């Protein structure tokens, strides 16, 4: 599926607000929604590891 394709969706059960945030990030970054979810998750995990260190 092409980047930014309107048929693409986040195939996870997440709150609508979180889904919207991921979709907006994907649009701004010019990447797929699934790639955006991975990027945002990785960043959140890095921040959590720093917080715990």
Protein backbone atom coordinates (compact mmCIF):
# COMPACT_ATOMS: atom_id res chain seq x y z
CA UNK A 1 0.00 0.00 0.00
CA UNK A 2 1.37 3.41 -0.91
CA UNK A 3 2.36 5.97 1.68
CA UNK A 4 -0.51 8.16 2.74
CA UNK A 5 -3.06 5.88 1.10
CA UNK A 6 -6.39 6.68 2.72
CA UNK A 7 -7.22 2.96 2.86
CA UNK A 8 -4.31 2.31 5.19
CA UNK A 9 -5.28 2.10 8.84
CA UNK A 10 -3.72 1.35 12.18
CA UNK A 11 -4.66 -2.27 12.80
CA UNK A 12 -4.53 -2.08 16.57
CA UNK A 13 -7.23 -1.52 19.12
CA UNK A 14 -6.25 1.89 20.41
CA UNK A 15 -8.23 4.87 21.66
CA UNK A 16 -9.44 7.11 18.82
CA UNK A 17 -7.30 10.02 20.04
CA UNK A 18 -4.11 7.93 19.92
CA UNK A 19 -5.03 6.63 16.46
CA UNK A 20 -5.54 10.21 15.24
CA UNK A 21 -2.15 11.25 16.67
CA UNK A 22 -0.39 8.39 14.87
CA UNK A 23 -2.17 9.20 11.61
CA UNK A 24 -1.26 12.89 11.90
CA UNK A 25 2.39 12.04 12.61
CA UNK A 26 2.45 9.70 9.59
CA UNK A 27 1.06 12.45 7.39
CA UNK A 28 3.57 15.06 8.65
CA UNK A 29 6.51 12.68 8.34
CA UNK A 30 5.45 11.33 4.95
CA UNK A 31 5.58 7.73 6.14
CA UNK A 32 3.06 4.92 6.43
CA UNK A 33 0.77 4.74 9.43
CA UNK A 34 2.31 1.46 10.56
CA UNK A 35 5.82 2.91 10.25
CA UNK A 36 4.70 5.95 12.25
CA UNK A 37 3.33 3.69 14.99
CA UNK A 38 6.69 1.89 15.16
CA UNK A 39 8.66 5.16 15.29
CA UNK A 40 6.46 6.59 18.04
CA UNK A 41 6.56 3.35 20.04
CA UNK A 42 10.36 3.19 19.79
CA UNK A 43 10.65 6.79 20.98
CA UNK A 44 8.30 6.14 23.90
CA UNK A 45 10.32 3.07 24.91
CA UNK A 46 13.58 5.08 24.77
CA UNK A 47 12.06 7.77 26.98
CA UNK A 48 10.77 5.16 29.45
CA UNK A 49 14.20 3.51 29.66
CA UNK A 50 15.82 6.90 30.34
CA UNK A 51 13.23 7.68 32.98
CA UNK A 52 13.92 4.39 34.76
CA UNK A 53 17.71 4.73 34.56
